[in-house]
Amino acid sequence: MIMHATRNNTVTLAGFGITFLGAVLFSTKAIIVKLAFKDVAVDALTLLTLRMIFSLPFYVGAAWAVNRKADTVPLTRQEWGWVLVLGIFGYYLSSLFDFVGLQYISAGLERLILFLYPTFAVLINAFVFRQPIHRMQKIALALTYLGIGLAYYGELRVDTDNPNFLYGSLLIFLCAITYSIYIAGSGYIIPKVGATRFTAYAMLAATAGIFIHFGFAGKVSALQQGAGLWLYGLMLAIFATVIPSFLISLGMKKIGSNNVAIISSIGPVSTILQAHFILGEGIFMEQVVGTVLVVIGVLLIGWKREGAVK
């Protein structure tokens, strides 16, 4: 049976505004993390734990709402396995890599590297799920990696005194890879279990992983640094996680996923501008050109042609 995807190609002002705001709020995560590192001298694991403490009630609420429905079918063991593994990769490991990596590289470069995750998802689908890479996707891959290489060269030239620059970059690359595993795997499991239930359960699995990690390696005393630390944790949870996720979901309903993908490409640009005006990070030509190439490449990868949807 051929299934036709639901399309909504009309970009309303409300739909554009909701999606734009959601993308900009998502892009504030790196800014908030960098400010927290600067102002309260917190470690990455403690900050990540606080983010999940404040986010947890929303995930529990979503899971409870889904399970209240009379037509909800229990997950099989295999489906539970997919949800747990993808939750660990998608939000526990990737968030940990991201937060630790942000200690060593700029917020602008972090966002650019993370924006490579769609290209990694294409490669995973090609080698694991045997989906062919089309000519347009190959061009898009070349553009994105050229853009990252150019921006990275510019950062190396500017940030010459940072001994942990390569280490921080590696961690952000690992974040993009683990998140791409989540994206590729979710495309397989969501049709089976439903988007809301998958997201809620996967996030709960990630939260459990983070809490267990903190229980073994964290320091409870680190949580007692005062209201400033808890404020950053609350901001990360509410303004950079929960609210934008609901806004993006609402945007998809109003204007469609393709339009959301296009508007969301403002993310790296938003982070670079915020990093410049809030954190004092410089803007240089290689970064600007590299960002343009990466955004074009990612848009080409996400572009769905009319005849290709079944």
C-alpha atoms as a PDB file:
ATOM      1  CA  MET A   1       0.000   0.000   0.000  1.00  0.00           C
ATOM      2  CA  ILE A   2       1.371   3.402  -0.981  1.00  0.00           C
ATOM      3  CA  MET A   3       1.091   6.012   1.749  1.00  0.00           C
ATOM      4  CA  HIS A   4       1.071   9.672   0.840  1.00  0.00           C
ATOM      5  CA  ALA A   5       2.611  12.071   3.303  1.00  0.00           C
ATOM      6  CA  THR A   6       0.425  14.845   4.580  1.00  0.00           C
ATOM      7  CA  ARG A   7       1.491  18.090   3.000  1.00  0.00           C
ATOM      8  CA  ASN A   8       1.042  21.650   4.096  1.00  0.00           C
ATOM      9  CA  ASN A   9       2.917  24.010   1.820  1.00  0.00           C
ATOM     10  CA  THR A  10       1.179  27.197   2.994  1.00  0.00           C
ATOM     11  CA  VAL A  11       3.398  29.305   5.246  1.00  0.00           C
ATOM     12  CA  THR A  12       1.098  31.382   7.415  1.00  0.00           C
ATOM     13  CA  LEU A  13       2.388  34.278   9.486  1.00  0.00           C
ATOM     14  CA  ALA A  14       1.496  32.423  12.679  1.00  0.00           C
ATOM     15  CA  GLY A  15       3.197  29.233  11.513  1.00  0.00           C
ATOM     16  CA  PHE A  16       6.321  31.107  10.480  1.00  0.00           C
ATOM     17  CA  GLY A  17       6.470  33.023  13.771  1.00  0.00           C
ATOM     18  CA  ILE A  18       5.993  29.908  15.921  1.00  0.00           C
ATOM     19  CA  THR A  19       8.664  27.952  14.036  1.00  0.00           C
ATOM     20  CA  PHE A  20      11.099  30.852  13.938  1.00  0.00           C
ATOM     21  CA  LEU A  21      10.768  31.412  17.679  1.00  0.00           C
ATOM     22  CA  GLY A  22      11.222  27.713  18.365  1.00  0.00           C
ATOM     23  CA  ALA A  23      14.403  27.558  16.260  1.00  0.00           C
ATOM     24  CA  VAL A  24      15.841  30.659  17.941  1.00  0.00           C
ATOM     25  CA  LEU A  25      15.059  29.304  21.423  1.00  0.00           C
ATOM     26  CA  PHE A  26      16.722  25.994  20.564  1.00  0.00           C
ATOM     27  CA  SER A  27      19.797  27.935  19.477  1.00  0.00           C
ATOM     28  CA  THR A  28      20.084  29.595  22.906  1.00  0.00           C
ATOM     29  CA  LYS A  29      21.197  26.321  24.534  1.00  0.00           C
ATOM     30  CA  ALA A  30      24.887  26.840  23.793  1.00  0.00           C
ATOM     31  CA  ILE A  31      24.701  30.458  24.975  1.00  0.00           C
ATOM     32  CA  ILE A  32      23.124  29.502  28.299  1.00  0.00           C
ATOM     33  CA  VAL A  33      25.651  26.705  28.833  1.00  0.00           C
ATOM     34  CA  LYS A  34      28.600  29.010  28.124  1.00  0.00           C
ATOM     35  CA  LEU A  35      27.197  31.661  30.483  1.00  0.00           C
ATOM     36  CA  ALA A  36      26.731  29.050  33.215  1.00  0.00           C
ATOM     37  CA  PHE A  37      30.323  27.848  32.842  1.00  0.00           C
ATOM     38  CA  LYS A  38      31.497  31.435  33.090  1.00  0.00           C
ATOM     39  CA  ASP A  39      29.308  32.702  35.934  1.00  0.00           C
ATOM     40  CA  VAL A  40      28.975  29.783  38.374  1.00  0.00           C
ATOM     41  CA  ALA A  41      31.955  27.554  37.519  1.00  0.00           C
ATOM     42  CA  VAL A  42      29.751  24.463  37.233  1.00  0.00           C
ATOM     43  CA  ASP A  43      30.853  21.202  35.603  1.00  0.00           C
ATOM     44  CA  ALA A  44      29.085  19.784  32.551  1.00  0.00           C
ATOM     45  CA  LEU A  45      27.532  16.756  34.309  1.00  0.00           C
ATOM     46  CA  THR A  46      25.978  18.841  37.089  1.00  0.00           C
ATOM     47  CA  LEU A  47      24.518  21.358  34.638  1.00  0.00           C
ATOM     48  CA  LEU A  48      23.128  18.588  32.447  1.00  0.00           C
ATOM     49  CA  THR A  49      21.584  16.907  35.498  1.00  0.00           C
ATOM     50  CA  LEU A  50      19.853  20.138  36.494  1.00  0.00           C
ATOM     51  CA  ARG A  51      18.495  20.524  32.967  1.00  0.00           C
ATOM     52  CA  MET A  52      16.921  17.067  33.171  1.00  0.00           C
ATOM     53  CA  ILE A  53      15.581  17.595  36.717  1.00  0.00           C
ATOM     54  CA  PHE A  54      13.528  20.548  35.513  1.00  0.00           C
ATOM     55  CA  SER A  55      12.524  18.843  32.241  1.00  0.00           C
ATOM     56  CA  LEU A  56      11.481  15.563  33.873  1.00  0.00           C
ATOM     57  CA  PRO A  57       7.910  16.573  34.881  1.00  0.00           C
ATOM     58  CA  PHE A  58       7.058  17.430  31.277  1.00  0.00           C
ATOM     59  CA  TYR A  59       8.265  14.030  29.987  1.00  0.00           C
ATOM     60  CA  VAL A  60       6.402  12.192  32.757  1.00  0.00           C
ATOM     61  CA  GLY A  61       3.274  14.173  31.922  1.00  0.00           C
ATOM     62  CA  ALA A  62       3.551  13.357  28.213  1.00  0.00           C
ATOM     63  CA  ALA A  63       4.038   9.645  28.935  1.00  0.00           C
ATOM     64  CA  TRP A  64       1.078   9.646  31.326  1.00  0.00           C
ATOM     65  CA  ALA A  65      -1.169  11.388  28.791  1.00  0.00           C
ATOM     66  CA  VAL A  66      -0.292   8.872  26.075  1.00  0.00           C
ATOM     67  CA  ASN A  67      -0.884   5.864  28.325  1.00  0.00           C
ATOM     68  CA  ARG A  68      -4.312   7.186  29.345  1.00  0.00           C
ATOM     69  CA  LYS A  69      -5.613   6.666  25.815  1.00  0.00           C
ATOM     70  CA  ALA A  70      -7.796   3.592  25.507  1.00  0.00           C
ATOM     71  CA  ASP A  71      -6.310   2.515  22.168  1.00  0.00           C
ATOM     72  CA  THR A  72      -2.693   2.527  23.381  1.00  0.00           C
ATOM     73  CA  VAL A  73      -1.029  -0.801  22.564  1.00  0.00           C
ATOM     74  CA  PRO A  74       1.768  -1.962  24.914  1.00  0.00           C
ATOM     75  CA  LEU A  75       5.263  -1.912  23.459  1.00  0.00           C
ATOM     76  CA  THR A  76       6.929  -5.203  22.567  1.00  0.00           C
ATOM     77  CA  ARG A  77      10.354  -6.129  23.981  1.00  0.00           C
ATOM     78  CA  GLN A  78      11.984  -5.204  20.687  1.00  0.00           C
ATOM     79  CA  GLU A  79      10.261  -1.810  20.637  1.00  0.00           C
ATOM     80  CA  TRP A  80      11.312  -1.163  24.232  1.00  0.00           C
ATOM     81  CA  GLY A  81      14.867  -2.016  23.233  1.00  0.00           C
ATOM     82  CA  TRP A  82      14.804   0.488  20.367  1.00  0.00           C
ATOM     83  CA  VAL A  83      13.348   3.226  22.571  1.00  0.00           C
ATOM     84  CA  LEU A  84      15.884   2.704  25.361  1.00  0.00           C
ATOM     85  CA  VAL A  85      18.930   2.480  23.079  1.00  0.00           C
ATOM     86  CA  LEU A  86      17.917   5.499  21.000  1.00  0.00           C
ATOM     87  CA  GLY A  87      17.117   7.504  24.114  1.00  0.00           C
ATOM     88  CA  ILE A  88      20.569   6.772  25.516  1.00  0.00           C
ATOM     89  CA  PHE A  89      22.294   7.703  22.259  1.00  0.00           C
ATOM     90  CA  GLY A  90      20.075  10.617  21.341  1.00  0.00           C
ATOM     91  CA  TYR A  91      19.929  12.593  24.558  1.00  0.00           C
ATOM     92  CA  TYR A  92      22.167  11.091  27.214  1.00  0.00           C
ATOM     93  CA  LEU A  93      25.416  10.561  25.303  1.00  0.00           C
ATOM     94  CA  SER A  94      24.913  13.370  22.790  1.00  0.00           C
ATOM     95  CA  SER A  95      24.017  15.905  25.498  1.00  0.00           C
ATOM     96  CA  LEU A  96      26.975  14.858  27.619  1.00  0.00           C
ATOM     97  CA  PHE A  97      29.383  15.181  24.672  1.00  0.00           C
ATOM     98  CA  ASP A  98      27.826  18.546  23.827  1.00  0.00           C
ATOM     99  CA  PHE A  99      28.035  20.059  27.298  1.00  0.00           C
ATOM    100  CA  VAL A 100      31.618  18.891  27.879  1.00  0.00           C
ATOM    101  CA  GLY A 101      32.705  20.029  24.397  1.00  0.00           C
ATOM    102  CA  LEU A 102      31.251  23.499  24.965  1.00  0.00           C
ATOM    103  CA  GLN A 103      33.849  24.026  27.668  1.00  0.00           C
ATOM    104  CA  TYR A 104      36.548  24.108  24.986  1.00  0.00           C
ATOM    105  CA  ILE A 105      35.155  25.620  21.770  1.00  0.00           C
ATOM    106  CA  SER A 106      33.019  28.603  20.806  1.00  0.00           C
ATOM    107  CA  ALA A 107      29.225  28.449  20.778  1.00  0.00           C
ATOM    108  CA  GLY A 108      29.160  29.380  17.087  1.00  0.00           C
ATOM    109  CA  LEU A 109      31.430  26.509  16.027  1.00  0.00           C
ATOM    110  CA  GLU A 110      29.539  24.094  18.284  1.00  0.00           C
ATOM    111  CA  ARG A 111      26.263  24.884  16.534  1.00  0.00           C
ATOM    112  CA  LEU A 112      27.827  24.512  13.083  1.00  0.00           C
ATOM    113  CA  ILE A 113      29.319  21.104  13.889  1.00  0.00           C
ATOM    114  CA  LEU A 114      26.036  19.938  15.413  1.00  0.00           C
ATOM    115  CA  PHE A 115      24.230  21.039  12.264  1.00  0.00           C
ATOM    116  CA  LEU A 116      26.032  18.207  10.456  1.00  0.00           C
ATOM    117  CA  TYR A 117      23.800  15.573  12.053  1.00  0.00           C
ATOM    118  CA  PRO A 118      21.473  15.298   9.002  1.00  0.00           C
ATOM    119  CA  THR A 119      24.496  14.388   6.859  1.00  0.00           C
ATOM    120  CA  PHE A 120      25.515  11.700   9.326  1.00  0.00           C
ATOM    121  CA  ALA A 121      21.931  10.392   9.325  1.00  0.00           C
ATOM    122  CA  VAL A 122      22.109  10.080   5.512  1.00  0.00           C
ATOM    123  CA  LEU A 123      25.328   8.054   5.806  1.00  0.00           C
ATOM    124  CA  ILE A 124      23.840   5.819   8.522  1.00  0.00           C
ATOM    125  CA  ASN A 125      20.747   5.169   6.410  1.00  0.00           C
ATOM    126  CA  ALA A 126      23.005   4.329   3.468  1.00  0.00           C
ATOM    127  CA  PHE A 127      25.300   1.882   5.250  1.00  0.00           C
ATOM    128  CA  VAL A 128      22.896   0.388   7.815  1.00  0.00           C
ATOM    129  CA  PHE A 129      19.462   0.556   6.178  1.00  0.00           C
ATOM    130  CA  ARG A 130      20.841   0.284   2.610  1.00  0.00           C
ATOM    131  CA  GLN A 131      19.197   3.475   1.374  1.00  0.00           C
ATOM    132  CA  PRO A 132      20.995   4.827  -1.719  1.00  0.00           C
ATOM    133  CA  ILE A 133      22.676   8.246  -1.649  1.00  0.00           C
ATOM    134  CA  HIS A 134      21.378  10.271  -4.575  1.00  0.00           C
ATOM    135  CA  ARG A 135      23.360  12.773  -6.608  1.00  0.00           C
ATOM    136  CA  MET A 136      21.816  15.806  -4.916  1.00  0.00           C
ATOM    137  CA  GLN A 137      22.630  14.342  -1.509  1.00  0.00           C
ATOM    138  CA  LYS A 138      26.264  13.823  -2.561  1.00  0.00           C
ATOM    139  CA  ILE A 139      26.478  17.487  -3.579  1.00  0.00           C
ATOM    140  CA  ALA A 140      24.892  18.471  -0.267  1.00  0.00           C
ATOM    141  CA  LEU A 141      27.395  16.352   1.678  1.00  0.00           C
ATOM    142  CA  ALA A 142      30.293  17.983  -0.169  1.00  0.00           C
ATOM    143  CA  LEU A 143      28.935  21.479   0.554  1.00  0.00           C
ATOM    144  CA  THR A 144      28.387  20.862   4.250  1.00  0.00           C
ATOM    145  CA  TYR A 145      31.815  19.352   4.868  1.00  0.00           C
ATOM    146  CA  LEU A 146      33.472  22.091   2.814  1.00  0.00           C
ATOM    147  CA  GLY A 147      31.627  24.675   4.917  1.00  0.00           C
ATOM    148  CA  ILE A 148      32.668  23.048   8.185  1.00  0.00           C
ATOM    149  CA  GLY A 149      36.266  22.781   6.984  1.00  0.00           C
ATOM    150  CA  LEU A 150      36.331  26.466   6.092  1.00  0.00           C
ATOM    151  CA  ALA A 151      34.777  27.589   9.392  1.00  0.00           C
ATOM    152  CA  TYR A 152      37.066  25.244  11.310  1.00  0.00           C
ATOM    153  CA  TYR A 153      40.134  26.673   9.588  1.00  0.00           C
ATOM    154  CA  GLY A 154      38.993  30.157  10.562  1.00  0.00           C
ATOM    155  CA  GLU A 155      38.517  29.097  14.193  1.00  0.00           C
ATOM    156  CA  LEU A 156      41.965  27.506  14.270  1.00  0.00           C
ATOM    157  CA  ARG A 157      43.465  30.717  12.966  1.00  0.00           C
ATOM    158  CA  VAL A 158      41.644  32.829  15.570  1.00  0.00           C
ATOM    159  CA  ASP A 159      41.693  30.521  18.619  1.00  0.00           C
ATOM    160  CA  THR A 160      45.406  29.705  18.565  1.00  0.00           C
ATOM    161  CA  ASP A 161      45.952  29.628  22.346  1.00  0.00           C
ATOM    162  CA  ASN A 162      43.371  26.954  23.206  1.00  0.00           C
ATOM    163  CA  PRO A 163      45.157  23.627  23.936  1.00  0.00           C
ATOM    164  CA  ASN A 164      41.838  21.733  24.157  1.00  0.00           C
ATOM    165  CA  PHE A 165      40.361  23.014  20.882  1.00  0.00           C
ATOM    166  CA  LEU A 166      40.714  19.698  19.024  1.00  0.00           C
ATOM    167  CA  TYR A 167      39.416  17.715  21.996  1.00  0.00           C
ATOM    168  CA  GLY A 168      36.350  19.941  22.305  1.00  0.00           C
ATOM    169  CA  SER A 169      35.701  19.712  18.563  1.00  0.00           C
ATOM    170  CA  LEU A 170      35.916  15.912  18.708  1.00  0.00           C
ATOM    171  CA  LEU A 171      33.339  15.794  21.479  1.00  0.00           C
ATOM    172  CA  ILE A 172      30.905  17.933  19.477  1.00  0.00           C
ATOM    173  CA  PHE A 173      31.430  15.685  16.437  1.00  0.00           C
ATOM    174  CA  LEU A 174      30.613  12.699  18.653  1.00  0.00           C
ATOM    175  CA  CYS A 175      27.507  14.566  19.811  1.00  0.00           C
ATOM    176  CA  ALA A 176      26.408  15.060  16.189  1.00  0.00           C
ATOM    177  CA  ILE A 177      27.065  11.385  15.394  1.00  0.00           C
ATOM    178  CA  THR A 178      25.158  10.026  18.397  1.00  0.00           C
ATOM    179  CA  TYR A 179      22.265  12.386  17.706  1.00  0.00           C
ATOM    180  CA  SER A 180      22.201  11.275  14.063  1.00  0.00           C
ATOM    181  CA  ILE A 181      21.866   7.664  15.301  1.00  0.00           C
ATOM    182  CA  TYR A 182      18.803   8.818  17.221  1.00  0.00           C
ATOM    183  CA  ILE A 183      17.361  10.565  14.143  1.00  0.00           C
ATOM    184  CA  ALA A 184      17.976   7.617  11.809  1.00  0.00           C
ATOM    185  CA  GLY A 185      16.615   5.091  14.302  1.00  0.00           C
ATOM    186  CA  SER A 186      13.577   7.184  15.191  1.00  0.00           C
ATOM    187  CA  GLY A 187      12.540   7.142  11.527  1.00  0.00           C
ATOM    188  CA  TYR A 188      12.250   3.363  11.874  1.00  0.00           C
ATOM    189  CA  ILE A 189      10.552   3.092  15.270  1.00  0.00           C
ATOM    190  CA  ILE A 190       8.199   6.119  15.388  1.00  0.00           C
ATOM    191  CA  PRO A 191       5.717   4.658  12.844  1.00  0.00           C
ATOM    192  CA  LYS A 192       5.455   1.620  15.134  1.00  0.00           C
ATOM    193  CA  VAL A 193       5.015   3.291  18.539  1.00  0.00           C
ATOM    194  CA  GLY A 194       3.945   6.874  17.792  1.00  0.00           C
ATOM    195  CA  ALA A 195       5.879  10.125  17.946  1.00  0.00           C
ATOM    196  CA  THR A 196       4.696  11.421  21.326  1.00  0.00           C
ATOM    197  CA  ARG A 197       5.154   8.124  23.133  1.00  0.00           C
ATOM    198  CA  PHE A 198       8.561   7.539  21.567  1.00  0.00           C
ATOM    199  CA  THR A 199       9.789  11.024  22.492  1.00  0.00           C
ATOM    200  CA  ALA A 200       8.507  10.795  26.061  1.00  0.00           C
ATOM    201  CA  TYR A 201       9.928   7.324  26.706  1.00  0.00           C
ATOM    202  CA  ALA A 202      13.248   8.063  24.983  1.00  0.00           C
ATOM    203  CA  MET A 203      13.695  11.223  27.027  1.00  0.00           C
ATOM    204  CA  LEU A 204      12.857   9.350  30.229  1.00  0.00           C
ATOM    205  CA  ALA A 205      15.484   6.734  29.346  1.00  0.00           C
ATOM    206  CA  ALA A 206      18.044   9.473  28.735  1.00  0.00           C
ATOM    207  CA  THR A 207      17.096  11.164  32.003  1.00  0.00           C
ATOM    208  CA  ALA A 208      17.579   7.898  33.882  1.00  0.00           C
ATOM    209  CA  GLY A 209      21.011   7.497  32.274  1.00  0.00           C
ATOM    210  CA  ILE A 210      22.034  11.007  33.289  1.00  0.00           C
ATOM    211  CA  PHE A 211      20.785  10.558  36.871  1.00  0.00           C
ATOM    212  CA  ILE A 212      22.645   7.238  37.222  1.00  0.00           C
ATOM    213  CA  HIS A 213      25.806   8.825  35.833  1.00  0.00           C
ATOM    214  CA  PHE A 214      25.499  11.704  38.277  1.00  0.00           C
ATOM    215  CA  GLY A 215      24.876   9.268  41.122  1.00  0.00           C
ATOM    216  CA  PHE A 216      28.194   7.535  40.439  1.00  0.00           C
ATOM    217  CA  ALA A 217      30.394  10.392  39.214  1.00  0.00           C
ATOM    218  CA  GLY A 218      28.717  13.627  40.269  1.00  0.00           C
ATOM    219  CA  LYS A 219      28.991  15.627  43.445  1.00  0.00           C
ATOM    220  CA  VAL A 220      25.826  16.509  45.305  1.00  0.00           C
ATOM    221  CA  SER A 221      27.646  19.476  46.794  1.00  0.00           C
ATOM    222  CA  ALA A 222      27.935  20.915  43.277  1.00  0.00           C
ATOM    223  CA  LEU A 223      24.152  21.368  43.265  1.00  0.00           C
ATOM    224  CA  GLN A 224      24.379  23.640  46.285  1.00  0.00           C
ATOM    225  CA  GLN A 225      26.035  26.625  44.634  1.00  0.00           C
ATOM    226  CA  GLY A 226      23.026  28.846  45.088  1.00  0.00           C
ATOM    227  CA  ALA A 227      20.100  30.179  43.097  1.00  0.00           C
ATOM    228  CA  GLY A 228      22.286  31.241  40.156  1.00  0.00           C
ATOM    229  CA  LEU A 229      23.121  27.664  39.171  1.00  0.00           C
ATOM    230  CA  TRP A 230      19.529  26.493  39.505  1.00  0.00           C
ATOM    231  CA  LEU A 231      18.374  29.432  37.411  1.00  0.00           C
ATOM    232  CA  TYR A 232      20.628  28.343  34.556  1.00  0.00           C
ATOM    233  CA  GLY A 233      19.323  24.784  34.854  1.00  0.00           C
ATOM    234  CA  LEU A 234      15.748  26.061  34.752  1.00  0.00           C
ATOM    235  CA  MET A 235      16.482  28.263  31.732  1.00  0.00           C
ATOM    236  CA  LEU A 236      18.046  25.332  29.870  1.00  0.00           C
ATOM    237  CA  ALA A 237      15.063  23.106  30.607  1.00  0.00           C
ATOM    238  CA  ILE A 238      12.243  25.553  29.920  1.00  0.00           C
ATOM    239  CA  PHE A 239      13.545  28.002  27.306  1.00  0.00           C
ATOM    240  CA  ALA A 240      16.057  25.823  25.410  1.00  0.00           C
ATOM    241  CA  THR A 241      14.329  22.430  25.632  1.00  0.00           C
ATOM    242  CA  VAL A 242      10.634  22.197  26.533  1.00  0.00           C
ATOM    243  CA  ILE A 243       9.115  25.350  24.995  1.00  0.00           C
ATOM    244  CA  PRO A 244      10.980  25.125  21.644  1.00  0.00           C
ATOM    245  CA  SER A 245      10.116  21.424  21.274  1.00  0.00           C
ATOM    246  CA  PHE A 246       6.397  22.236  21.607  1.00  0.00           C
ATOM    247  CA  LEU A 247       6.741  25.226  19.262  1.00  0.00           C
ATOM    248  CA  ILE A 248       8.468  23.171  16.561  1.00  0.00           C
ATOM    249  CA  SER A 249       5.831  20.428  16.842  1.00  0.00           C
ATOM    250  CA  LEU A 250       3.063  23.035  16.523  1.00  0.00           C
ATOM    251  CA  GLY A 251       4.885  24.591  13.582  1.00  0.00           C
ATOM    252  CA  MET A 252       4.939  21.233  11.788  1.00  0.00           C
ATOM    253  CA  LYS A 253       1.186  20.955  12.183  1.00  0.00           C
ATOM    254  CA  LYS A 254       0.612  24.454  10.814  1.00  0.00           C
ATOM    255  CA  ILE A 255       3.078  24.690   7.904  1.00  0.00           C
ATOM    256  CA  GLY A 256       4.521  21.192   7.326  1.00  0.00           C
ATOM    257  CA  SER A 257       7.875  19.575   8.070  1.00  0.00           C
ATOM    258  CA  ASN A 258       9.638  20.840   4.916  1.00  0.00           C
ATOM    259  CA  ASN A 259       8.868  24.460   5.711  1.00  0.00           C
ATOM    260  CA  VAL A 260       9.882  23.909   9.329  1.00  0.00           C
ATOM    261  CA  ALA A 261      13.229  22.491   8.149  1.00  0.00           C
ATOM    262  CA  ILE A 262      13.842  25.552   5.984  1.00  0.00           C
ATOM    263  CA  ILE A 263      12.940  28.064   8.696  1.00  0.00           C
ATOM    264  CA  SER A 264      14.915  26.123  11.337  1.00  0.00           C
ATOM    265  CA  SER A 265      18.096  26.637   9.324  1.00  0.00           C
ATOM    266  CA  ILE A 266      18.231  30.010  11.057  1.00  0.00           C
ATOM    267  CA  GLY A 267      19.630  28.094  14.051  1.00  0.00           C
ATOM    268  CA  PRO A 268      23.378  28.377  13.353  1.00  0.00           C
ATOM    269  CA  VAL A 269      23.030  32.015  12.306  1.00  0.00           C
ATOM    270  CA  SER A 270      21.079  32.777  15.481  1.00  0.00           C
ATOM    271  CA  THR A 271      23.710  31.105  17.663  1.00  0.00           C
ATOM    272  CA  ILE A 272      26.575  32.959  15.980  1.00  0.00           C
ATOM    273  CA  LEU A 273      24.832  36.323  16.429  1.00  0.00           C
ATOM    274  CA  GLN A 274      23.914  35.607  20.050  1.00  0.00           C
ATOM    275  CA  ALA A 275      27.451  34.419  20.755  1.00  0.00           C
ATOM    276  CA  HIS A 276      28.795  37.652  19.291  1.00  0.00           C
ATOM    277  CA  PHE A 277      26.523  40.057  21.175  1.00  0.00           C
ATOM    278  CA  ILE A 278      26.114  38.123  24.457  1.00  0.00           C
ATOM    279  CA  LEU A 279      29.383  36.200  24.814  1.00  0.00           C
ATOM    280  CA  GLY A 280      31.634  38.560  22.859  1.00  0.00           C
ATOM    281  CA  GLU A 281      32.713  35.907  20.329  1.00  0.00           C
ATOM    282  CA  GLY A 282      34.118  37.277  17.092  1.00  0.00           C
ATOM    283  CA  ILE A 283      32.585  36.924  13.637  1.00  0.00           C
ATOM    284  CA  PHE A 284      35.013  36.340  10.762  1.00  0.00           C
ATOM    285  CA  MET A 285      34.734  35.755   7.021  1.00  0.00           C
ATOM    286  CA  GLU A 286      35.525  32.017   7.049  1.00  0.00           C
ATOM    287  CA  GLN A 287      32.794  31.485   9.611  1.00  0.00           C
ATOM    288  CA  VAL A 288      30.222  33.412   7.572  1.00  0.00           C
ATOM    289  CA  VAL A 289      31.000  31.609   4.287  1.00  0.00           C
ATOM    290  CA  GLY A 290      31.215  28.235   6.048  1.00  0.00           C
ATOM    291  CA  THR A 291      27.848  28.795   7.712  1.00  0.00           C
ATOM    292  CA  VAL A 292      26.205  29.611   4.383  1.00  0.00           C
ATOM    293  CA  LEU A 293      27.619  26.432   2.803  1.00  0.00           C
ATOM    294  CA  VAL A 294      26.530  24.251   5.717  1.00  0.00           C
ATOM    295  CA  VAL A 295      22.995  25.674   5.735  1.00  0.00           C
ATOM    296  CA  ILE A 296      22.646  25.184   1.959  1.00  0.00           C
ATOM    297  CA  GLY A 297      23.941  21.621   2.212  1.00  0.00           C
ATOM    298  CA  VAL A 298      21.608  20.661   5.054  1.00  0.00           C
ATOM    299  CA  LEU A 299      18.621  22.195   3.260  1.00  0.00           C
ATOM    300  CA  LEU A 300      19.458  20.180   0.131  1.00  0.00           C
ATOM    301  CA  ILE A 301      19.641  16.987   2.183  1.00  0.00           C
ATOM    302  CA  GLY A 302      16.275  17.657   3.812  1.00  0.00           C
ATOM    303  CA  TRP A 303      14.578  18.727   0.593  1.00  0.00           C
ATOM    304  CA  LYS A 304      11.819  16.323  -0.472  1.00  0.00           C
ATOM    305  CA  ARG A 305      10.826  16.379  -4.096  1.00  0.00           C
ATOM    306  CA  GLU A 306       7.133  15.983  -4.919  1.00  0.00           C
ATOM    307  CA  GLY A 307       7.535  12.686  -6.739  1.00  0.00           C
ATOM    308  CA  ALA A 308       9.691  11.086  -4.065  1.00  0.00           C
ATOM    309  CA  VAL A 309       7.094  10.957  -1.293  1.00  0.00           C
ATOM    310  CA  LYS A 310       5.211   7.669  -0.993  1.00  0.00           C
END
